[in-house]
Amino acid sequence: MTAANREQTNLNNGYTTPRESGLAEIKLKSEYPLDMFKEWHQEVKKSGHLTPDALVFSTTNREGRVTSRTVYLRRLESDGFVIMTDRRGRKARDLAECPQASIVFFWSYLKDGDVICSQVRAEGAVVELEPHQFQDLYDNEPLFCKIRSHLCRQGAPVEDWQEYKARHDELLQQWKQGENTLPMPDHFVAYKLIPDVMDFYQAWGTNIGDRRLFVWDKELEQWTSKRVQA
């Protein structure tokens, strides 16, 4: 391929021949953004996407240092997004200092021969849930996750891998023999992000993406929305 051919390919977003261009359009079925999220989330699940619940969770400490990591959505509630973590880790320390966070979902999947790219961002306050509010989430965790909650101190160094592995095997054996039911430990915690901003982006095929921005109006006590350029 010549340099000119490569340049033309790049200009056409990876296609070797020119393609049509258009504008994607997000059509609102509800003025409530969490309803819109639920609709998109369900479509992604139906597409066979392997990680529909994965999200990037960003926090900041009192010095303003931002940290991001990928976690899983454990439950979608009527007013926000629930995640779980280790109270002794950095997320919890950051949230103790600054109880605000931002999350991002990004999904890419095929539908009717086109690649659909969807992104949802949410920002807002984060509240810590009471143990009885997420006990069921812990109870439904797979075995390896329960072992992890008893074995791992999130972010701590592993001084001796063999010793660490032996402790894992000991916990597994105790569970198999009925000696340890692996109850929810005190450091296991769940948080809920209650959004006051939600931003939806979607594009498909060679259409230019569309965006819908929702902002919670405290005075009116309602969501307002508008289309913004991608």
Protein backbone atom coordinates (compact mmCIF):
# COMPACT_ATOMS: atom_id res chain seq x y z
CA MET A 1 0.00 0.00 0.00
CA THR A 2 1.38 3.40 -0.96
CA ALA A 3 1.60 6.34 1.42
CA ALA A 4 -1.30 7.98 -0.42
CA ASN A 5 -3.40 4.82 -0.03
CA ARG A 6 -2.60 4.63 3.67
CA GLU A 7 -3.55 8.27 4.14
CA GLN A 8 -6.86 7.73 2.34
CA THR A 9 -7.54 4.64 4.46
CA ASN A 10 -6.94 6.65 7.65
CA LEU A 11 -9.18 9.47 6.42
CA ASN A 12 -11.96 6.94 5.83
CA ASN A 13 -11.68 5.56 9.37
CA GLY A 14 -10.11 2.28 8.34
CA TYR A 15 -12.14 1.71 5.17
CA THR A 16 -10.23 1.47 1.91
CA THR A 17 -13.11 3.01 -0.07
CA PRO A 18 -15.06 6.18 0.70
CA ARG A 19 -18.15 5.64 2.83
CA GLU A 20 -21.28 7.70 3.42
CA SER A 21 -21.33 10.04 6.39
CA GLY A 22 -24.30 10.94 8.55
CA LEU A 23 -25.41 11.99 11.99
CA ALA A 24 -26.48 9.52 14.63
CA GLU A 25 -29.59 10.45 16.60
CA ILE A 26 -30.38 9.41 20.14
CA LYS A 27 -34.14 9.37 20.56
CA LEU A 28 -35.39 9.91 24.08
CA LYS A 29 -38.04 7.57 25.43
CA SER A 30 -37.81 9.02 28.92
CA GLU A 31 -36.62 12.24 30.56
CA TYR A 32 -35.19 10.16 33.41
CA PRO A 33 -31.57 9.23 32.58
CA LEU A 34 -31.46 6.07 34.69
CA ASP A 35 -34.33 4.69 32.59
CA MET A 36 -32.27 5.44 29.50
CA PHE A 37 -29.26 3.73 31.04
CA LYS A 38 -31.33 0.66 31.83
CA GLU A 39 -32.54 0.47 28.21
CA TRP A 40 -29.01 0.74 26.81
CA HIS A 41 -27.64 -1.71 29.36
CA GLN A 42 -30.25 -4.31 28.46
CA GLU A 43 -29.48 -3.94 24.74
CA VAL A 44 -25.78 -4.45 25.41
CA LYS A 45 -26.53 -7.62 27.38
CA LYS A 46 -28.64 -8.98 24.54
CA SER A 47 -25.79 -8.30 22.09
CA GLY A 48 -23.58 -10.87 23.81
CA HIS A 49 -21.09 -8.28 25.06
CA LEU A 50 -18.75 -10.06 27.49
CA THR A 51 -18.48 -7.31 30.12
CA PRO A 52 -21.67 -5.20 30.09
CA ASP A 53 -21.26 -4.40 33.82
CA ALA A 54 -17.64 -3.22 33.68
CA LEU A 55 -17.12 0.45 34.43
CA VAL A 56 -14.26 2.84 35.12
CA PHE A 57 -14.58 4.31 38.62
CA SER A 58 -12.63 7.51 39.32
CA THR A 59 -12.04 9.06 42.73
CA THR A 60 -9.92 11.88 44.10
CA ASN A 61 -8.23 12.50 47.44
CA ARG A 62 -7.96 15.72 49.42
CA GLU A 63 -4.83 16.69 47.47
CA GLY A 64 -6.79 16.47 44.23
CA ARG A 65 -5.00 13.38 42.92
CA VAL A 66 -7.33 11.41 40.65
CA THR A 67 -7.24 7.62 40.45
CA SER A 68 -9.24 5.38 38.11
CA ARG A 69 -9.82 1.66 38.09
CA THR A 70 -12.22 -0.82 36.51
CA VAL A 71 -14.90 -2.33 38.75
CA TYR A 72 -18.26 -4.02 38.18
CA LEU A 73 -21.74 -2.67 38.56
CA ARG A 74 -23.32 -4.85 41.24
CA ARG A 75 -26.79 -3.37 41.18
CA LEU A 76 -28.67 -0.58 39.45
CA GLU A 77 -31.11 1.09 41.81
CA SER A 78 -33.75 3.70 41.10
CA ASP A 79 -31.41 6.50 42.15
CA GLY A 80 -27.92 5.22 41.42
CA PHE A 81 -25.17 2.69 40.76
CA VAL A 82 -23.93 0.23 43.41
CA ILE A 83 -20.37 -1.12 43.53
CA MET A 84 -18.52 -3.17 46.16
CA THR A 85 -14.95 -3.04 47.37
CA ASP A 86 -12.52 -3.46 50.30
CA ARG A 87 -12.86 -0.72 52.91
CA ARG A 88 -9.08 -0.85 53.42
CA GLY A 89 -8.27 0.01 49.78
CA ARG A 90 -7.59 3.30 48.07
CA LYS A 91 -11.14 3.78 46.76
CA ALA A 92 -12.49 3.80 50.29
CA ARG A 93 -9.76 6.14 51.53
CA ASP A 94 -10.43 8.56 48.68
CA LEU A 95 -14.18 8.46 49.27
CA ALA A 96 -13.69 9.16 52.98
CA GLU A 97 -11.83 12.34 52.01
CA CYS A 98 -13.93 13.30 48.99
CA PRO A 99 -17.29 11.49 48.68
CA GLN A 100 -17.69 12.30 44.98
CA ALA A 101 -16.90 10.10 41.99
CA SER A 102 -17.22 9.70 38.25
CA ILE A 103 -17.98 6.50 36.37
CA VAL A 104 -17.76 5.58 32.68
CA PHE A 105 -19.27 2.66 30.80
CA PHE A 106 -18.06 2.00 27.24
CA TRP A 107 -19.61 -0.67 25.05
CA SER A 108 -18.78 -1.66 21.47
CA TYR A 109 -20.85 -4.35 19.78
CA LEU A 110 -22.43 -5.41 16.49
CA LYS A 111 -26.04 -4.75 15.56
CA ASP A 112 -27.53 -5.24 12.10
CA GLY A 113 -24.05 -5.32 10.59
CA ASP A 114 -22.95 -2.02 12.13
CA VAL A 115 -20.58 -1.43 15.01
CA ILE A 116 -22.44 0.36 17.81
CA CYS A 117 -20.29 2.45 20.13
CA SER A 118 -22.01 3.64 23.29
CA GLN A 119 -20.64 5.52 26.25
CA VAL A 120 -22.37 6.57 29.46
CA ARG A 121 -20.73 8.89 31.98
CA ALA A 122 -22.15 9.70 35.40
CA GLU A 123 -20.92 12.06 38.12
CA GLY A 124 -22.21 12.65 41.61
CA ALA A 125 -22.11 12.04 45.34
CA VAL A 126 -21.19 8.63 46.73
CA VAL A 127 -22.83 7.21 49.86
CA GLU A 128 -21.76 4.18 51.86
CA LEU A 129 -24.48 1.55 52.22
CA GLU A 130 -25.36 -0.25 55.45
CA PRO A 131 -24.37 -3.95 55.59
CA HIS A 132 -27.99 -5.14 55.48
CA GLN A 133 -28.40 -3.24 52.19
CA PHE A 134 -25.80 -5.34 50.39
CA GLN A 135 -25.66 -8.61 52.33
CA ASP A 136 -27.52 -10.28 49.45
CA LEU A 137 -24.86 -9.10 47.01
CA TYR A 138 -22.14 -10.72 49.08
CA ASP A 139 -24.20 -13.91 49.53
CA ASN A 140 -24.48 -14.20 45.73
CA GLU A 141 -20.75 -13.77 45.14
CA PRO A 142 -18.99 -16.80 43.61
CA LEU A 143 -16.73 -18.83 45.90
CA PHE A 144 -13.46 -17.37 44.63
CA CYS A 145 -14.70 -13.84 45.33
CA LYS A 146 -15.63 -14.75 48.90
CA ILE A 147 -12.20 -16.31 49.40
CA ARG A 148 -10.62 -13.16 48.00
CA SER A 149 -12.51 -11.01 50.49
CA HIS A 150 -11.00 -13.07 53.34
CA LEU A 151 -7.56 -13.51 51.80
CA CYS A 152 -6.72 -10.16 50.24
CA ARG A 153 -6.03 -6.79 51.79
CA GLN A 154 -6.56 -4.67 48.70
CA GLY A 155 -3.40 -2.89 47.57
CA ALA A 156 -1.11 -4.45 50.18
CA PRO A 157 2.16 -6.00 48.95
CA VAL A 158 2.54 -9.78 48.70
CA GLU A 159 5.72 -10.55 50.62
CA ASP A 160 5.75 -14.30 49.95
CA TRP A 161 3.64 -15.68 47.09
CA GLN A 162 3.91 -19.30 48.30
CA GLU A 163 2.65 -18.32 51.75
CA TYR A 164 -0.13 -16.32 50.13
CA LYS A 165 -1.09 -19.32 47.97
CA ALA A 166 -1.00 -21.63 51.01
CA ARG A 167 -3.42 -19.36 52.86
CA HIS A 168 -5.75 -19.44 49.84
CA ASP A 169 -5.65 -23.23 49.76
CA GLU A 170 -6.30 -23.38 53.50
CA LEU A 171 -9.42 -21.20 53.17
CA LEU A 172 -10.64 -23.31 50.24
CA GLN A 173 -10.15 -26.54 52.19
CA GLN A 174 -11.91 -25.11 55.25
CA TRP A 175 -14.88 -24.21 53.08
CA LYS A 176 -14.99 -27.66 51.45
CA GLN A 177 -14.98 -29.32 54.87
CA GLY A 178 -17.69 -27.02 56.23
CA GLU A 179 -15.32 -25.47 58.77
CA ASN A 180 -15.57 -21.94 57.37
CA THR A 181 -18.67 -20.51 55.67
CA LEU A 182 -16.73 -17.40 54.61
CA PRO A 183 -19.17 -14.89 56.13
CA MET A 184 -19.12 -11.29 54.93
CA PRO A 185 -16.11 -9.64 56.58
CA ASP A 186 -16.35 -6.24 58.26
CA HIS A 187 -14.08 -4.65 55.65
CA PHE A 188 -16.41 -5.63 52.80
CA VAL A 189 -18.31 -2.49 51.81
CA ALA A 190 -20.68 -1.23 49.13
CA TYR A 191 -21.11 2.29 47.81
CA LYS A 192 -23.77 3.92 45.71
CA LEU A 193 -23.06 6.74 43.28
CA ILE A 194 -26.11 9.00 43.05
CA PRO A 195 -25.67 10.93 39.80
CA ASP A 196 -26.41 14.59 39.29
CA VAL A 197 -24.87 14.56 35.79
CA MET A 198 -25.25 11.87 33.13
CA ASP A 199 -23.86 12.04 29.61
CA PHE A 200 -24.90 9.59 26.87
CA TYR A 201 -22.93 9.16 23.64
CA GLN A 202 -23.77 6.81 20.78
CA ALA A 203 -22.60 6.30 17.21
CA TRP A 204 -22.98 3.51 14.67
CA GLY A 205 -21.51 2.73 11.29
CA THR A 206 -20.05 5.87 9.74
CA ASN A 207 -22.44 8.23 11.48
CA ILE A 208 -21.07 11.05 13.63
CA GLY A 209 -21.95 10.39 17.24
CA ASP A 210 -24.83 12.00 19.11
CA ARG A 211 -24.77 13.08 22.76
CA ARG A 212 -27.44 13.78 25.34
CA LEU A 213 -26.50 15.56 28.56
CA PHE A 214 -28.70 15.30 31.65
CA VAL A 215 -28.19 17.59 34.66
CA TRP A 216 -30.11 17.49 37.92
CA ASP A 217 -31.59 20.90 38.72
CA LYS A 218 -31.60 21.26 42.51
CA GLU A 219 -33.98 24.20 42.52
CA LEU A 220 -36.56 22.58 40.25
CA GLU A 221 -35.83 19.13 41.67
CA GLN A 222 -35.91 17.57 38.24
CA TRP A 223 -33.63 16.49 35.41
CA THR A 224 -32.99 18.79 32.47
CA SER A 225 -31.54 17.54 29.21
CA LYS A 226 -30.08 18.87 26.02
CA ARG A 227 -28.25 17.63 22.96
CA VAL A 228 -24.55 18.51 22.86
CA GLN A 229 -22.03 18.10 20.08
CA ALA A 230 -19.87 15.00 20.14
